[in-house]
Amino acid sequence: ARRGCHAHRTEQELILALTGSFQVRVDDGESTREFQLSRPDQGLYVPPLVWHEVQGFAVGSVCAVLASGRYNGDDYFHSYEEFLAAVRHSR
């Protein structure tokens, strides 16, 4: 399964592997990196305007995402093209 597949306008997130392991792919509009999360004492900080996708879950994995604010549907970019346009505009 692939999860995430979005970016935020202002919200910040911290992604943790509470058990098991998975990969997080991040894209700032210019470069892409992939991180393997497999320890509950290490997380991945995702700032605003960074597209992220979580995938490659090992069996029994538990992913936790801590957000800097309450849910706000208007803060999401669900379209990669819309995200790229916002990144270009912000620079």
N, C-alpha and C. Protein backbone atom coordinates (compact mmCIF):
# COMPACT_ATOMS: atom_id res chain seq x y z
N ALA A 1 0.84 -1.19 0.00
CA ALA A 1 0.00 0.00 0.00
C ALA A 1 0.88 1.24 0.00
N ARG A 2 0.36 2.27 -0.59
CA ARG A 2 1.03 3.57 -0.61
C ARG A 2 0.12 4.56 0.11
N ARG A 3 0.69 5.31 1.03
CA ARG A 3 -0.08 6.27 1.81
C ARG A 3 0.55 7.65 1.67
N GLY A 4 -0.15 8.64 2.16
CA GLY A 4 0.36 10.01 2.08
C GLY A 4 -0.01 10.60 0.74
N CYS A 5 0.96 10.64 -0.15
CA CYS A 5 0.77 11.16 -1.51
C CYS A 5 0.14 12.55 -1.48
N HIS A 6 0.75 13.43 -0.70
CA HIS A 6 0.27 14.81 -0.60
C HIS A 6 1.37 15.70 -0.03
N ALA A 7 1.09 16.98 0.00
CA ALA A 7 1.95 17.97 0.65
C ALA A 7 1.04 18.93 1.39
N HIS A 8 1.62 19.72 2.27
CA HIS A 8 0.86 20.71 3.03
C HIS A 8 1.36 22.11 2.71
N ARG A 9 0.46 23.06 2.80
CA ARG A 9 0.80 24.47 2.60
C ARG A 9 1.58 25.00 3.81
N THR A 10 1.10 24.72 5.03
CA THR A 10 1.72 25.27 6.24
C THR A 10 2.00 24.23 7.31
N GLU A 11 1.29 23.13 7.31
CA GLU A 11 1.44 22.13 8.37
C GLU A 11 2.79 21.43 8.28
N GLN A 12 3.32 21.08 9.45
CA GLN A 12 4.54 20.29 9.58
C GLN A 12 4.16 18.92 10.12
N GLU A 13 4.92 17.89 9.76
CA GLU A 13 4.63 16.55 10.24
C GLU A 13 5.90 15.85 10.71
N LEU A 14 5.72 14.91 11.62
CA LEU A 14 6.78 14.02 12.05
C LEU A 14 6.26 12.60 11.84
N ILE A 15 6.97 11.82 11.04
CA ILE A 15 6.56 10.45 10.71
C ILE A 15 7.45 9.48 11.48
N LEU A 16 6.81 8.51 12.15
CA LEU A 16 7.51 7.54 12.98
C LEU A 16 7.09 6.12 12.63
N ALA A 17 8.04 5.19 12.71
CA ALA A 17 7.74 3.76 12.60
C ALA A 17 7.68 3.21 14.03
N LEU A 18 6.47 3.07 14.57
CA LEU A 18 6.35 2.58 15.94
C LEU A 18 6.74 1.11 16.04
N THR A 19 6.39 0.34 15.01
CA THR A 19 6.85 -1.05 14.87
C THR A 19 7.05 -1.32 13.38
N GLY A 20 7.89 -2.27 13.06
CA GLY A 20 8.11 -2.62 11.67
C GLY A 20 8.95 -1.59 10.94
N SER A 21 8.77 -1.54 9.62
CA SER A 21 9.56 -0.61 8.80
C SER A 21 8.80 -0.26 7.54
N PHE A 22 9.19 0.86 6.94
CA PHE A 22 8.62 1.33 5.68
C PHE A 22 9.51 2.43 5.14
N GLN A 23 9.25 2.82 3.90
CA GLN A 23 10.02 3.88 3.25
C GLN A 23 9.15 5.13 3.13
N VAL A 24 9.80 6.28 3.23
CA VAL A 24 9.14 7.56 3.00
C VAL A 24 9.90 8.27 1.89
N ARG A 25 9.19 8.60 0.83
CA ARG A 25 9.77 9.34 -0.29
C ARG A 25 9.34 10.79 -0.15
N VAL A 26 10.31 11.70 -0.15
CA VAL A 26 10.01 13.13 -0.03
C VAL A 26 10.52 13.85 -1.27
N ASP A 27 9.80 14.90 -1.66
CA ASP A 27 10.10 15.64 -2.88
C ASP A 27 9.82 17.12 -2.60
N ASP A 28 10.84 17.96 -2.73
CA ASP A 28 10.67 19.39 -2.48
C ASP A 28 10.42 20.19 -3.76
N GLY A 29 10.16 19.50 -4.84
CA GLY A 29 9.93 20.15 -6.12
C GLY A 29 11.18 20.26 -6.96
N GLU A 30 12.34 20.05 -6.36
CA GLU A 30 13.61 20.08 -7.09
C GLU A 30 14.36 18.76 -6.99
N SER A 31 14.28 18.11 -5.84
CA SER A 31 14.97 16.83 -5.65
C SER A 31 14.10 15.89 -4.83
N THR A 32 14.40 14.62 -4.98
CA THR A 32 13.65 13.56 -4.30
C THR A 32 14.62 12.71 -3.50
N ARG A 33 14.20 12.34 -2.29
CA ARG A 33 15.00 11.42 -1.45
C ARG A 33 14.08 10.38 -0.85
N GLU A 34 14.66 9.24 -0.51
CA GLU A 34 13.89 8.18 0.14
C GLU A 34 14.56 7.80 1.44
N PHE A 35 13.76 7.62 2.47
CA PHE A 35 14.26 7.27 3.80
C PHE A 35 13.60 5.99 4.27
N GLN A 36 14.37 5.13 4.91
CA GLN A 36 13.86 3.91 5.53
C GLN A 36 13.64 4.20 7.01
N LEU A 37 12.44 4.04 7.49
CA LEU A 37 12.15 4.20 8.92
C LEU A 37 11.91 2.83 9.52
N SER A 38 12.64 2.53 10.60
CA SER A 38 12.52 1.19 11.20
C SER A 38 12.77 1.21 12.70
N ARG A 39 12.90 2.40 13.28
CA ARG A 39 13.15 2.50 14.72
C ARG A 39 12.19 3.51 15.33
N PRO A 40 11.55 3.16 16.44
CA PRO A 40 10.59 4.09 17.04
C PRO A 40 11.23 5.32 17.68
N ASP A 41 12.54 5.30 17.88
CA ASP A 41 13.21 6.45 18.49
C ASP A 41 13.78 7.42 17.44
N GLN A 42 13.49 7.17 16.16
CA GLN A 42 13.93 8.06 15.09
C GLN A 42 12.75 8.34 14.17
N GLY A 43 12.57 9.62 13.85
CA GLY A 43 11.47 9.99 12.97
C GLY A 43 11.96 10.84 11.83
N LEU A 44 11.05 11.15 10.93
CA LEU A 44 11.37 11.98 9.79
C LEU A 44 10.50 13.23 9.84
N TYR A 45 11.14 14.39 9.91
CA TYR A 45 10.45 15.68 9.91
C TYR A 45 10.12 16.05 8.47
N VAL A 46 8.86 16.40 8.23
CA VAL A 46 8.42 16.84 6.90
C VAL A 46 7.90 18.26 7.02
N PRO A 47 8.65 19.24 6.52
CA PRO A 47 8.21 20.65 6.58
C PRO A 47 7.11 20.92 5.56
N PRO A 48 6.52 22.11 5.61
CA PRO A 48 5.53 22.48 4.59
C PRO A 48 6.15 22.48 3.19
N LEU A 49 5.30 22.33 2.20
CA LEU A 49 5.69 22.33 0.79
C LEU A 49 6.69 21.23 0.45
N VAL A 50 6.50 20.06 1.05
CA VAL A 50 7.27 18.87 0.69
C VAL A 50 6.28 17.73 0.44
N TRP A 51 6.28 17.25 -0.80
CA TRP A 51 5.41 16.13 -1.18
C TRP A 51 5.96 14.88 -0.51
N HIS A 52 5.09 14.04 0.07
CA HIS A 52 5.58 12.83 0.71
C HIS A 52 4.65 11.65 0.47
N GLU A 53 5.30 10.49 0.32
CA GLU A 53 4.60 9.23 0.09
C GLU A 53 5.23 8.18 1.00
N VAL A 54 4.39 7.37 1.62
CA VAL A 54 4.84 6.31 2.52
C VAL A 54 4.48 4.99 1.85
N GLN A 55 5.46 4.07 1.75
CA GLN A 55 5.24 2.82 1.02
C GLN A 55 6.17 1.74 1.53
N GLY A 56 6.02 0.53 0.99
CA GLY A 56 6.91 -0.57 1.32
C GLY A 56 6.79 -1.03 2.76
N PHE A 57 5.58 -1.10 3.27
CA PHE A 57 5.37 -1.48 4.66
C PHE A 57 5.69 -2.95 4.89
N ALA A 58 6.51 -3.24 5.89
CA ALA A 58 6.73 -4.62 6.32
C ALA A 58 5.46 -5.08 7.04
N VAL A 59 5.22 -6.36 7.05
CA VAL A 59 4.04 -6.93 7.72
C VAL A 59 4.05 -6.51 9.20
N GLY A 60 2.93 -6.04 9.68
CA GLY A 60 2.80 -5.66 11.08
C GLY A 60 3.31 -4.28 11.42
N SER A 61 3.68 -3.50 10.43
CA SER A 61 4.20 -2.15 10.69
C SER A 61 3.10 -1.22 11.19
N VAL A 62 3.51 -0.31 12.06
CA VAL A 62 2.61 0.74 12.54
C VAL A 62 3.29 2.08 12.29
N CYS A 63 2.63 2.91 11.50
CA CYS A 63 3.14 4.24 11.16
C CYS A 63 2.34 5.28 11.95
N ALA A 64 3.05 6.18 12.62
CA ALA A 64 2.40 7.28 13.32
C ALA A 64 2.84 8.59 12.67
N VAL A 65 1.88 9.50 12.50
CA VAL A 65 2.19 10.81 11.94
C VAL A 65 1.68 11.86 12.93
N LEU A 66 2.61 12.66 13.43
CA LEU A 66 2.27 13.76 14.34
C LEU A 66 2.23 15.04 13.52
N ALA A 67 1.15 15.80 13.67
CA ALA A 67 0.96 17.01 12.89
C ALA A 67 1.06 18.23 13.79
N SER A 68 1.45 19.35 13.18
CA SER A 68 1.63 20.59 13.94
C SER A 68 0.31 21.29 14.24
N GLY A 69 -0.77 20.83 13.65
CA GLY A 69 -2.07 21.47 13.91
C GLY A 69 -3.20 20.50 13.67
N ARG A 70 -4.41 20.97 13.94
CA ARG A 70 -5.61 20.17 13.69
C ARG A 70 -5.84 20.01 12.19
N TYR A 71 -6.60 19.00 11.84
CA TYR A 71 -6.89 18.74 10.43
C TYR A 71 -7.53 19.96 9.78
N ASN A 72 -7.00 20.32 8.60
CA ASN A 72 -7.56 21.40 7.80
C ASN A 72 -7.44 20.97 6.34
N GLY A 73 -8.54 20.56 5.77
CA GLY A 73 -8.53 20.07 4.40
C GLY A 73 -8.00 21.06 3.39
N ASP A 74 -8.11 22.36 3.68
CA ASP A 74 -7.62 23.39 2.77
C ASP A 74 -6.09 23.50 2.75
N ASP A 75 -5.43 22.85 3.71
CA ASP A 75 -3.97 22.91 3.80
C ASP A 75 -3.29 21.87 2.90
N TYR A 76 -4.05 20.96 2.31
CA TYR A 76 -3.50 19.86 1.53
C TYR A 76 -3.35 20.18 0.06
N PHE A 77 -2.26 19.68 -0.53
CA PHE A 77 -2.11 19.56 -1.97
C PHE A 77 -2.27 18.07 -2.27
N HIS A 78 -3.34 17.68 -2.95
CA HIS A 78 -3.52 16.28 -3.34
C HIS A 78 -3.08 16.05 -4.78
N SER A 79 -2.89 17.14 -5.52
CA SER A 79 -2.44 17.07 -6.90
C SER A 79 -0.96 17.45 -6.94
N TYR A 80 -0.15 16.56 -7.52
CA TYR A 80 1.29 16.83 -7.61
C TYR A 80 1.55 18.07 -8.46
N GLU A 81 0.78 18.27 -9.52
CA GLU A 81 0.96 19.42 -10.39
C GLU A 81 0.65 20.72 -9.64
N GLU A 82 -0.40 20.72 -8.84
CA GLU A 82 -0.75 21.90 -8.03
C GLU A 82 0.36 22.19 -7.01
N PHE A 83 0.91 21.14 -6.43
CA PHE A 83 2.03 21.28 -5.49
C PHE A 83 3.22 21.94 -6.18
N LEU A 84 3.60 21.43 -7.36
CA LEU A 84 4.74 21.99 -8.09
C LEU A 84 4.52 23.45 -8.43
N ALA A 85 3.31 23.82 -8.82
CA ALA A 85 3.01 25.22 -9.14
C ALA A 85 3.19 26.09 -7.90
N ALA A 86 2.77 25.61 -6.74
CA ALA A 86 2.91 26.37 -5.49
C ALA A 86 4.38 26.52 -5.11
N VAL A 87 5.16 25.46 -5.31
CA VAL A 87 6.59 25.52 -5.01
C VAL A 87 7.26 26.56 -5.90
N ARG A 88 6.95 26.53 -7.20
CA ARG A 88 7.54 27.51 -8.12
C ARG A 88 7.16 28.93 -7.73
N HIS A 89 5.92 29.10 -7.32
CA HIS A 89 5.44 30.44 -6.93
C HIS A 89 6.11 30.93 -5.65
N SER A 90 6.44 30.02 -4.73
CA SER A 90 7.02 30.40 -3.44
C SER A 90 8.49 30.78 -3.57
N ARG A 91 9.13 30.42 -4.65
CA ARG A 91 10.57 30.68 -4.82
C ARG A 91 10.76 31.93 -5.55
